[in-house]
Amino acid sequence: MSKRYLLFSAVLFLSLMFQGCESIPKDALRMNEATIEQRRLQTRVFDTSDEAQILSASASLLQDLGFTLDKSETKLGLIVASKDRSAANAGQVTGAVILAALFGTPCTYDEKQKIRASVVTHPVYEGKGGTAVRVTFQRVVWDNYGRITKLERLNDTDLYVGFFDKLSKAVFLEAHEI
C-alpha cells in the first residue's frame, strides 16, 4: 500500500469519527423545577457536624419504623434499609378473580412489596455549617406470579415530613444522651 493511500485513509477515518461529535447543550446538566422540588422535600440540614450521630439516629429511626438495615457505611455517610410488606388489595384480588372466572384469563394481582429507604449525609460548608441529610423511599411490587409490576419512587410529602420530624427528635435525644 502506498503512503498516500494510508494518509488518505487516516484523514477519512478521523473526519468521520469527529463528524458524529456534537457540543453539549448548555442546559444538559441543569435540573428542572420538579427535580429541585423533590430534592427540597428529601433533604434537611441539621445544625450538627457530627455525621456519625445523625447516621446513628437515622438507623435507629429506620429500625423503629420496621426497616431492616441492609447496608451501612459510616465513612461514606450511607444507610440502606428495607422492609417487606403485603401489597394485596382486596378490590384488586376480587376484580382479578371475577375476570378470571368470566373470561378465563389468568388471575393476576399484586401480592408483595419491598419498600427501600436510602439515607445519605454530607457536611455543609456554606453559612454556619452542619450536616445535610437526604432520604429517599422506593418500592418494588411483585404479582402472584413473581413478576415485578411496579418499580417506583415514593413522593408522598407526608412520608418525608414525618420522617424528618421523627429524625429531628431522634437527633435531639442522641445529642443529649436521653
N, C-alpha and C. Protein backbone atom coordinates (compact mmCIF):
# COMPACT_ATOMS: atom_id res chain seq x y z
N MET A 1 0.83 -1.18 0.00
CA MET A 1 0.00 0.00 0.00
C MET A 1 0.88 1.24 0.00
N SER A 2 0.40 2.21 -0.67
CA SER A 2 1.20 3.44 -0.75
C SER A 2 0.96 4.32 0.46
N LYS A 3 1.92 5.16 0.72
CA LYS A 3 1.81 6.09 1.85
C LYS A 3 0.66 7.06 1.63
N ARG A 4 0.47 7.39 0.37
CA ARG A 4 -0.62 8.32 0.04
C ARG A 4 -1.97 7.70 0.41
N TYR A 5 -2.17 6.43 0.13
CA TYR A 5 -3.41 5.73 0.43
C TYR A 5 -3.62 5.65 1.96
N LEU A 6 -2.57 5.34 2.72
CA LEU A 6 -2.66 5.28 4.17
C LEU A 6 -3.00 6.63 4.78
N LEU A 7 -2.38 7.69 4.26
CA LEU A 7 -2.66 9.03 4.74
C LEU A 7 -4.10 9.41 4.45
N PHE A 8 -4.56 9.13 3.23
CA PHE A 8 -5.94 9.42 2.86
C PHE A 8 -6.91 8.65 3.76
N SER A 9 -6.64 7.38 4.03
CA SER A 9 -7.49 6.55 4.89
C SER A 9 -7.53 7.09 6.31
N ALA A 10 -6.40 7.52 6.83
CA ALA A 10 -6.34 8.05 8.19
C ALA A 10 -7.14 9.34 8.30
N VAL A 11 -6.99 10.24 7.32
CA VAL A 11 -7.73 11.50 7.33
C VAL A 11 -9.22 11.23 7.20
N LEU A 12 -9.62 10.33 6.34
CA LEU A 12 -11.03 9.98 6.17
C LEU A 12 -11.59 9.39 7.45
N PHE A 13 -10.87 8.49 8.09
CA PHE A 13 -11.31 7.87 9.34
C PHE A 13 -11.51 8.92 10.43
N LEU A 14 -10.54 9.80 10.61
CA LEU A 14 -10.62 10.83 11.64
C LEU A 14 -11.76 11.81 11.37
N SER A 15 -11.97 12.18 10.12
CA SER A 15 -13.05 13.11 9.82
C SER A 15 -14.41 12.47 10.07
N LEU A 16 -14.56 11.19 9.76
CA LEU A 16 -15.82 10.50 10.04
C LEU A 16 -16.04 10.32 11.55
N MET A 17 -14.96 10.07 12.27
CA MET A 17 -15.07 9.87 13.71
C MET A 17 -15.52 11.15 14.41
N PHE A 18 -14.96 12.28 14.02
CA PHE A 18 -15.30 13.54 14.68
C PHE A 18 -16.58 14.17 14.15
N GLN A 19 -17.09 13.68 13.05
CA GLN A 19 -18.32 14.22 12.48
C GLN A 19 -19.50 13.95 13.40
N GLY A 20 -19.51 12.83 14.11
CA GLY A 20 -20.61 12.48 15.00
C GLY A 20 -20.60 13.23 16.31
N CYS A 21 -19.51 13.89 16.65
CA CYS A 21 -19.42 14.61 17.91
C CYS A 21 -20.19 15.91 17.83
N GLU A 22 -21.00 16.15 18.81
CA GLU A 22 -21.73 17.41 18.89
C GLU A 22 -21.39 18.07 20.20
N SER A 23 -21.63 19.35 20.26
CA SER A 23 -21.39 20.04 21.52
C SER A 23 -22.54 19.73 22.49
N ILE A 24 -22.24 19.78 23.77
CA ILE A 24 -23.24 19.51 24.80
C ILE A 24 -24.10 20.75 24.97
N PRO A 25 -25.43 20.60 24.96
CA PRO A 25 -26.30 21.76 25.15
C PRO A 25 -26.03 22.42 26.51
N LYS A 26 -26.23 23.74 26.56
CA LYS A 26 -25.97 24.50 27.78
C LYS A 26 -26.72 23.95 28.99
N ASP A 27 -27.97 23.59 28.82
CA ASP A 27 -28.81 23.18 29.95
C ASP A 27 -28.85 21.67 30.17
N ALA A 28 -27.91 20.94 29.60
CA ALA A 28 -27.94 19.48 29.69
C ALA A 28 -27.85 18.99 31.14
N LEU A 29 -27.09 19.67 31.98
CA LEU A 29 -26.91 19.23 33.36
C LEU A 29 -27.74 20.04 34.35
N ARG A 30 -28.61 20.88 33.87
CA ARG A 30 -29.45 21.69 34.74
C ARG A 30 -30.67 20.86 35.17
N MET A 31 -30.95 20.91 36.48
CA MET A 31 -32.11 20.19 36.99
C MET A 31 -33.38 20.99 36.71
N ASN A 32 -34.45 20.30 36.38
CA ASN A 32 -35.70 21.00 36.17
C ASN A 32 -36.37 21.30 37.52
N GLU A 33 -37.41 22.09 37.49
CA GLU A 33 -38.08 22.53 38.73
C GLU A 33 -38.62 21.36 39.55
N ALA A 34 -39.15 20.33 38.88
CA ALA A 34 -39.71 19.18 39.60
C ALA A 34 -38.61 18.46 40.39
N THR A 35 -37.45 18.31 39.78
CA THR A 35 -36.33 17.65 40.45
C THR A 35 -35.86 18.47 41.65
N ILE A 36 -35.77 19.78 41.47
CA ILE A 36 -35.35 20.65 42.57
C ILE A 36 -36.34 20.56 43.72
N GLU A 37 -37.62 20.54 43.40
CA GLU A 37 -38.65 20.45 44.45
C GLU A 37 -38.57 19.10 45.18
N GLN A 38 -38.32 18.03 44.45
CA GLN A 38 -38.16 16.71 45.09
C GLN A 38 -36.96 16.72 46.02
N ARG A 39 -35.86 17.30 45.61
CA ARG A 39 -34.67 17.36 46.45
C ARG A 39 -34.94 18.15 47.72
N ARG A 40 -35.70 19.24 47.61
CA ARG A 40 -36.06 20.01 48.80
C ARG A 40 -36.87 19.18 49.78
N LEU A 41 -37.78 18.40 49.24
CA LEU A 41 -38.62 17.53 50.07
C LEU A 41 -37.79 16.44 50.75
N GLN A 42 -36.78 15.93 50.06
CA GLN A 42 -36.00 14.80 50.53
C GLN A 42 -34.80 15.18 51.40
N THR A 43 -34.50 16.47 51.52
CA THR A 43 -33.27 16.90 52.20
C THR A 43 -33.55 17.89 53.32
N ARG A 44 -32.84 17.70 54.44
CA ARG A 44 -32.87 18.65 55.56
C ARG A 44 -31.44 18.85 56.04
N VAL A 45 -31.17 20.04 56.57
CA VAL A 45 -29.86 20.34 57.12
C VAL A 45 -29.99 20.43 58.63
N PHE A 46 -29.13 19.71 59.35
CA PHE A 46 -29.11 19.72 60.81
C PHE A 46 -27.92 20.53 61.27
N ASP A 47 -28.06 21.17 62.43
CA ASP A 47 -27.04 22.09 62.94
C ASP A 47 -25.80 21.43 63.50
N THR A 48 -25.72 20.14 63.46
CA THR A 48 -24.54 19.45 64.00
C THR A 48 -23.62 19.01 62.87
N SER A 49 -22.33 18.96 63.16
CA SER A 49 -21.38 18.46 62.18
C SER A 49 -21.00 17.01 62.46
N ASP A 50 -21.67 16.40 63.44
CA ASP A 50 -21.39 15.02 63.83
C ASP A 50 -22.22 14.07 62.97
N GLU A 51 -21.67 13.69 61.81
CA GLU A 51 -22.38 12.80 60.89
C GLU A 51 -22.67 11.44 61.51
N ALA A 52 -21.74 10.94 62.31
CA ALA A 52 -21.94 9.62 62.95
C ALA A 52 -23.16 9.64 63.84
N GLN A 53 -23.37 10.74 64.55
CA GLN A 53 -24.54 10.87 65.43
C GLN A 53 -25.83 10.87 64.60
N ILE A 54 -25.83 11.59 63.50
CA ILE A 54 -27.02 11.64 62.65
C ILE A 54 -27.28 10.28 62.01
N LEU A 55 -26.23 9.60 61.57
CA LEU A 55 -26.40 8.27 60.99
C LEU A 55 -26.92 7.28 62.03
N SER A 56 -26.44 7.38 63.25
CA SER A 56 -26.91 6.51 64.31
C SER A 56 -28.39 6.76 64.59
N ALA A 57 -28.78 8.03 64.66
CA ALA A 57 -30.18 8.38 64.89
C ALA A 57 -31.04 7.92 63.72
N SER A 58 -30.53 8.05 62.50
CA SER A 58 -31.27 7.61 61.30
C SER A 58 -31.47 6.10 61.31
N ALA A 59 -30.42 5.36 61.66
CA ALA A 59 -30.50 3.90 61.71
C ALA A 59 -31.52 3.46 62.76
N SER A 60 -31.48 4.10 63.92
CA SER A 60 -32.44 3.76 64.98
C SER A 60 -33.86 4.06 64.55
N LEU A 61 -34.05 5.21 63.90
CA LEU A 61 -35.39 5.59 63.44
C LEU A 61 -35.91 4.61 62.40
N LEU A 62 -35.06 4.24 61.44
CA LEU A 62 -35.49 3.28 60.42
C LEU A 62 -35.88 1.95 61.05
N GLN A 63 -35.12 1.51 62.01
CA GLN A 63 -35.46 0.26 62.70
C GLN A 63 -36.77 0.40 63.47
N ASP A 64 -36.99 1.56 64.09
CA ASP A 64 -38.26 1.80 64.78
C ASP A 64 -39.44 1.79 63.81
N LEU A 65 -39.19 2.18 62.56
CA LEU A 65 -40.24 2.20 61.54
C LEU A 65 -40.43 0.83 60.87
N GLY A 66 -39.70 -0.18 61.34
CA GLY A 66 -39.88 -1.54 60.82
C GLY A 66 -38.92 -1.93 59.72
N PHE A 67 -37.94 -1.10 59.43
CA PHE A 67 -36.97 -1.41 58.39
C PHE A 67 -35.85 -2.27 58.96
N THR A 68 -35.25 -3.07 58.10
CA THR A 68 -34.06 -3.84 58.43
C THR A 68 -32.89 -3.18 57.70
N LEU A 69 -31.79 -2.95 58.42
CA LEU A 69 -30.64 -2.31 57.79
C LEU A 69 -29.95 -3.31 56.85
N ASP A 70 -29.86 -2.94 55.58
CA ASP A 70 -29.22 -3.79 54.58
C ASP A 70 -27.74 -3.45 54.43
N LYS A 71 -27.45 -2.15 54.37
CA LYS A 71 -26.07 -1.68 54.20
C LYS A 71 -25.89 -0.42 55.03
N SER A 72 -24.71 -0.30 55.60
CA SER A 72 -24.39 0.89 56.36
C SER A 72 -22.90 1.16 56.22
N GLU A 73 -22.57 2.38 55.83
CA GLU A 73 -21.17 2.76 55.68
C GLU A 73 -21.02 4.16 56.26
N THR A 74 -20.57 4.22 57.51
CA THR A 74 -20.46 5.48 58.22
C THR A 74 -19.49 6.43 57.54
N LYS A 75 -18.37 5.92 57.06
CA LYS A 75 -17.37 6.78 56.43
C LYS A 75 -17.91 7.48 55.18
N LEU A 76 -18.84 6.82 54.50
CA LEU A 76 -19.43 7.40 53.29
C LEU A 76 -20.73 8.14 53.59
N GLY A 77 -21.25 8.01 54.81
CA GLY A 77 -22.50 8.67 55.17
C GLY A 77 -23.70 8.03 54.50
N LEU A 78 -23.78 6.69 54.52
CA LEU A 78 -24.81 5.97 53.79
C LEU A 78 -25.48 4.90 54.64
N ILE A 79 -26.80 4.83 54.56
CA ILE A 79 -27.57 3.74 55.15
C ILE A 79 -28.62 3.33 54.12
N VAL A 80 -28.74 2.03 53.89
CA VAL A 80 -29.79 1.49 53.03
C VAL A 80 -30.55 0.47 53.86
N ALA A 81 -31.86 0.62 53.91
CA ALA A 81 -32.70 -0.28 54.70
C ALA A 81 -33.92 -0.67 53.88
N SER A 82 -34.55 -1.78 54.26
CA SER A 82 -35.74 -2.22 53.52
C SER A 82 -36.69 -2.95 54.46
N LYS A 83 -37.92 -3.05 54.01
CA LYS A 83 -38.90 -3.86 54.72
C LYS A 83 -39.86 -4.47 53.71
N ASP A 84 -40.27 -5.68 54.00
CA ASP A 84 -41.21 -6.41 53.15
C ASP A 84 -42.61 -6.24 53.69
N ARG A 85 -43.56 -5.99 52.81
CA ARG A 85 -44.95 -5.81 53.19
C ARG A 85 -45.84 -6.47 52.15
N SER A 86 -47.05 -6.73 52.56
CA SER A 86 -48.04 -7.25 51.62
C SER A 86 -48.51 -6.12 50.72
N ALA A 87 -48.73 -6.44 49.46
CA ALA A 87 -49.26 -5.44 48.51
C ALA A 87 -50.66 -5.82 48.08
N ALA A 88 -51.21 -6.85 48.74
CA ALA A 88 -52.54 -7.33 48.36
C ALA A 88 -53.59 -6.26 48.65
N ASN A 89 -54.44 -6.06 47.67
CA ASN A 89 -55.55 -5.13 47.78
C ASN A 89 -56.82 -5.92 47.51
N ALA A 90 -57.74 -5.90 48.45
CA ALA A 90 -58.94 -6.73 48.33
C ALA A 90 -59.69 -6.45 47.04
N GLY A 91 -59.80 -5.20 46.63
CA GLY A 91 -60.50 -4.85 45.40
C GLY A 91 -59.81 -5.41 44.17
N GLN A 92 -58.48 -5.32 44.16
CA GLN A 92 -57.72 -5.83 43.03
C GLN A 92 -57.84 -7.35 42.93
N VAL A 93 -57.75 -8.04 44.07
CA VAL A 93 -57.86 -9.50 44.07
C VAL A 93 -59.25 -9.92 43.62
N THR A 94 -60.28 -9.27 44.14
CA THR A 94 -61.67 -9.60 43.76
C THR A 94 -61.86 -9.39 42.26
N GLY A 95 -61.38 -8.25 41.72
CA GLY A 95 -61.51 -7.98 40.29
C GLY A 95 -60.78 -9.01 39.46
N ALA A 96 -59.60 -9.43 39.90
CA ALA A 96 -58.83 -10.43 39.16
C ALA A 96 -59.55 -11.78 39.15
N VAL A 97 -60.14 -12.14 40.27
CA VAL A 97 -60.87 -13.42 40.35
C VAL A 97 -62.10 -13.38 39.45
N ILE A 98 -62.82 -12.27 39.46
CA ILE A 98 -64.02 -12.15 38.62
C ILE A 98 -63.64 -12.21 37.14
N LEU A 99 -62.60 -11.48 36.73
CA LEU A 99 -62.16 -11.52 35.34
C LEU A 99 -61.71 -12.92 34.94
N ALA A 100 -61.02 -13.59 35.85
CA ALA A 100 -60.56 -14.96 35.56
C ALA A 100 -61.76 -15.89 35.37
N ALA A 101 -62.77 -15.72 36.21
CA ALA A 101 -63.95 -16.59 36.12
C ALA A 101 -64.77 -16.30 34.86
N LEU A 102 -64.93 -15.03 34.51
CA LEU A 102 -65.76 -14.66 33.36
C LEU A 102 -65.07 -14.91 32.02
N PHE A 103 -63.80 -14.58 31.93
CA PHE A 103 -63.12 -14.62 30.64
C PHE A 103 -62.03 -15.67 30.53
N GLY A 104 -61.77 -16.39 31.61
CA GLY A 104 -60.75 -17.42 31.58
C GLY A 104 -59.33 -16.87 31.54
N THR A 105 -59.16 -15.62 31.94
CA THR A 105 -57.82 -15.02 31.97
C THR A 105 -57.11 -15.45 33.25
N PRO A 106 -55.80 -15.39 33.25
CA PRO A 106 -55.08 -15.73 34.48
C PRO A 106 -55.45 -14.74 35.59
N CYS A 107 -55.50 -15.23 36.78
CA CYS A 107 -55.84 -14.42 37.95
C CYS A 107 -54.56 -13.76 38.46
N THR A 108 -54.35 -12.48 38.08
CA THR A 108 -53.12 -11.78 38.43
C THR A 108 -53.44 -10.60 39.33
N TYR A 109 -52.71 -10.50 40.42
CA TYR A 109 -52.89 -9.39 41.36
C TYR A 109 -51.57 -9.15 42.09
N ASP A 110 -51.41 -7.92 42.63
CA ASP A 110 -50.21 -7.59 43.39
C ASP A 110 -50.22 -8.37 44.70
N GLU A 111 -49.06 -8.96 45.03
CA GLU A 111 -49.01 -9.82 46.21
C GLU A 111 -48.09 -9.29 47.30
N LYS A 112 -46.86 -8.93 46.93
CA LYS A 112 -45.92 -8.47 47.95
C LYS A 112 -45.12 -7.28 47.44
N GLN A 113 -44.54 -6.55 48.38
CA GLN A 113 -43.73 -5.39 48.02
C GLN A 113 -42.55 -5.26 48.96
N LYS A 114 -41.50 -4.63 48.46
CA LYS A 114 -40.33 -4.30 49.27
C LYS A 114 -40.19 -2.79 49.22
N ILE A 115 -40.19 -2.18 50.39
CA ILE A 115 -40.00 -0.74 50.50
C ILE A 115 -38.57 -0.51 50.93
N ARG A 116 -37.86 0.34 50.21
CA ARG A 116 -36.45 0.59 50.49
C ARG A 116 -36.26 2.07 50.83
N ALA A 117 -35.46 2.31 51.84
CA ALA A 117 -35.10 3.67 52.24
C ALA A 117 -33.59 3.82 52.14
N SER A 118 -33.16 4.95 51.59
CA SER A 118 -31.73 5.27 51.49
C SER A 118 -31.50 6.60 52.18
N VAL A 119 -30.55 6.63 53.10
CA VAL A 119 -30.19 7.86 53.81
C VAL A 119 -28.74 8.17 53.46
N VAL A 120 -28.51 9.41 53.02
CA VAL A 120 -27.16 9.87 52.68
C VAL A 120 -26.91 11.18 53.42
N THR A 121 -25.76 11.28 54.06
CA THR A 121 -25.39 12.51 54.77
C THR A 121 -24.13 13.09 54.15
N HIS A 122 -24.00 14.39 54.26
CA HIS A 122 -22.75 15.04 53.87
C HIS A 122 -22.64 16.39 54.58
N PRO A 123 -21.40 16.81 54.87
CA PRO A 123 -21.22 18.08 55.58
C PRO A 123 -21.60 19.27 54.71
N VAL A 124 -22.09 20.31 55.36
CA VAL A 124 -22.42 21.55 54.68
C VAL A 124 -21.38 22.57 55.12
N TYR A 125 -20.72 23.17 54.16
CA TYR A 125 -19.64 24.10 54.48
C TYR A 125 -20.06 25.56 54.37
N GLU A 126 -21.14 25.84 53.63
CA GLU A 126 -21.58 27.21 53.47
C GLU A 126 -22.29 27.69 54.73
N GLY A 127 -22.27 28.98 54.96
CA GLY A 127 -23.01 29.56 56.08
C GLY A 127 -22.48 29.07 57.41
N LYS A 128 -23.39 28.62 58.26
CA LYS A 128 -23.00 28.20 59.61
C LYS A 128 -22.60 26.73 59.69
N GLY A 129 -22.64 26.03 58.58
CA GLY A 129 -22.22 24.62 58.57
C GLY A 129 -23.35 23.70 58.95
N GLY A 130 -23.00 22.49 59.32
CA GLY A 130 -23.99 21.49 59.68
C GLY A 130 -23.84 20.26 58.81
N THR A 131 -24.89 19.43 58.84
CA THR A 131 -24.90 18.20 58.06
C THR A 131 -26.21 18.10 57.30
N ALA A 132 -26.11 17.88 55.99
CA ALA A 132 -27.30 17.68 55.17
C ALA A 132 -27.65 16.19 55.17
N VAL A 133 -28.92 15.90 55.30
CA VAL A 133 -29.42 14.53 55.28
C VAL A 133 -30.44 14.43 54.15
N ARG A 134 -30.23 13.46 53.26
CA ARG A 134 -31.21 13.21 52.19
C ARG A 134 -31.71 11.79 52.33
N VAL A 135 -33.02 11.64 52.32
CA VAL A 135 -33.63 10.32 52.39
C VAL A 135 -34.51 10.14 51.17
N THR A 136 -34.48 8.94 50.60
CA THR A 136 -35.39 8.60 49.51
C THR A 136 -36.05 7.27 49.83
N PHE A 137 -37.29 7.14 49.40
CA PHE A 137 -38.05 5.91 49.58
C PHE A 137 -38.49 5.40 48.21
N GLN A 138 -38.31 4.11 48.00
CA GLN A 138 -38.73 3.46 46.76
C GLN A 138 -39.50 2.20 47.12
N ARG A 139 -40.22 1.66 46.14
CA ARG A 139 -40.85 0.36 46.36
C ARG A 139 -40.86 -0.45 45.08
N VAL A 140 -40.79 -1.77 45.28
CA VAL A 140 -40.89 -2.73 44.21
C VAL A 140 -42.07 -3.64 44.57
N VAL A 141 -42.99 -3.83 43.62
CA VAL A 141 -44.18 -4.65 43.86
C VAL A 141 -44.13 -5.85 42.91
N TRP A 142 -44.38 -7.05 43.46
CA TRP A 142 -44.45 -8.28 42.69
C TRP A 142 -45.88 -8.81 42.67
N ASP A 143 -46.26 -9.42 41.56
CA ASP A 143 -47.58 -10.05 41.49
C ASP A 143 -47.52 -11.48 42.00
N ASN A 144 -48.64 -12.17 41.96
CA ASN A 144 -48.71 -13.53 42.49
C ASN A 144 -47.94 -14.54 41.64
N TYR A 145 -47.41 -14.13 40.49
CA TYR A 145 -46.56 -15.00 39.67
C TYR A 145 -45.08 -14.65 39.83
N GLY A 146 -44.77 -13.72 40.74
CA GLY A 146 -43.39 -13.34 40.99
C GLY A 146 -42.82 -12.33 40.01
N ARG A 147 -43.66 -11.71 39.20
CA ARG A 147 -43.21 -10.71 38.24
C ARG A 147 -43.32 -9.31 38.86
N ILE A 148 -42.36 -8.46 38.53
CA ILE A 148 -42.40 -7.08 39.02
C ILE A 148 -43.48 -6.32 38.27
N THR A 149 -44.40 -5.71 39.03
CA THR A 149 -45.47 -4.92 38.41
C THR A 149 -45.28 -3.42 38.59
N LYS A 150 -44.56 -3.04 39.63
CA LYS A 150 -44.30 -1.62 39.87
C LYS A 150 -42.90 -1.47 40.43
N LEU A 151 -42.23 -0.44 39.98
CA LEU A 151 -40.92 -0.05 40.48
C LEU A 151 -40.96 1.47 40.51
N GLU A 152 -41.14 2.03 41.71
CA GLU A 152 -41.41 3.46 41.77
C GLU A 152 -40.79 4.13 42.98
N ARG A 153 -40.54 5.43 42.83
CA ARG A 153 -40.09 6.25 43.94
C ARG A 153 -41.34 6.75 44.65
N LEU A 154 -41.29 6.76 45.97
CA LEU A 154 -42.42 7.26 46.75
C LEU A 154 -42.23 8.75 46.96
N ASN A 155 -43.20 9.55 46.55
CA ASN A 155 -43.08 11.00 46.62
C ASN A 155 -44.12 11.64 47.53
N ASP A 156 -44.64 10.90 48.47
CA ASP A 156 -45.66 11.41 49.38
C ASP A 156 -45.03 12.42 50.35
N THR A 157 -45.49 13.65 50.30
CA THR A 157 -44.94 14.71 51.15
C THR A 157 -45.02 14.34 52.62
N ASP A 158 -46.14 13.78 53.05
CA ASP A 158 -46.31 13.41 54.46
C ASP A 158 -45.27 12.40 54.92
N LEU A 159 -44.88 11.50 54.04
CA LEU A 159 -43.87 10.49 54.36
C LEU A 159 -42.54 11.16 54.71
N TYR A 160 -42.12 12.12 53.89
CA TYR A 160 -40.84 12.79 54.12
C TYR A 160 -40.90 13.74 55.31
N VAL A 161 -41.98 14.49 55.42
CA VAL A 161 -42.13 15.41 56.55
C VAL A 161 -42.14 14.62 57.86
N GLY A 162 -42.89 13.52 57.88
CA GLY A 162 -42.94 12.67 59.08
C GLY A 162 -41.58 12.09 59.43
N PHE A 163 -40.86 11.64 58.41
CA PHE A 163 -39.53 11.08 58.67
C PHE A 163 -38.62 12.12 59.30
N PHE A 164 -38.57 13.32 58.73
CA PHE A 164 -37.67 14.35 59.24
C PHE A 164 -38.10 14.88 60.60
N ASP A 165 -39.40 14.92 60.87
CA ASP A 165 -39.86 15.31 62.22
C ASP A 165 -39.34 14.31 63.25
N LYS A 166 -39.49 13.04 62.94
CA LYS A 166 -39.02 12.00 63.87
C LYS A 166 -37.49 12.00 63.97
N LEU A 167 -36.81 12.25 62.85
CA LEU A 167 -35.35 12.29 62.88
C LEU A 167 -34.86 13.47 63.72
N SER A 168 -35.52 14.60 63.64
CA SER A 168 -35.13 15.76 64.46
C SER A 168 -35.20 15.41 65.94
N LYS A 169 -36.27 14.73 66.33
CA LYS A 169 -36.41 14.32 67.73
C LYS A 169 -35.34 13.30 68.11
N ALA A 170 -35.07 12.36 67.20
CA ALA A 170 -34.06 11.33 67.48
C ALA A 170 -32.67 11.95 67.60
N VAL A 171 -32.35 12.92 66.76
CA VAL A 171 -31.05 13.59 66.82
C VAL A 171 -30.93 14.35 68.15
N PHE A 172 -32.01 15.02 68.55
CA PHE A 172 -32.01 15.74 69.82
C PHE A 172 -31.76 14.78 70.98
N LEU A 173 -32.48 13.65 70.97
CA LEU A 173 -32.31 12.67 72.04
C LEU A 173 -30.89 12.09 72.05
N GLU A 174 -30.35 11.81 70.87
CA GLU A 174 -28.97 11.29 70.76
C GLU A 174 -27.97 12.31 71.28
N ALA A 175 -28.16 13.58 70.92
CA ALA A 175 -27.22 14.61 71.33
C ALA A 175 -27.20 14.81 72.84
N HIS A 176 -28.36 14.63 73.46
CA HIS A 176 -28.46 14.82 74.90
C HIS A 176 -28.41 13.51 75.67
N GLU A 177 -28.10 12.42 74.96
CA GLU A 177 -27.96 11.09 75.54
C GLU A 177 -29.15 10.73 76.42
N ILE A 178 -30.34 10.98 75.87
CA ILE A 178 -31.58 10.67 76.61
C ILE A 178 -32.11 9.34 76.14
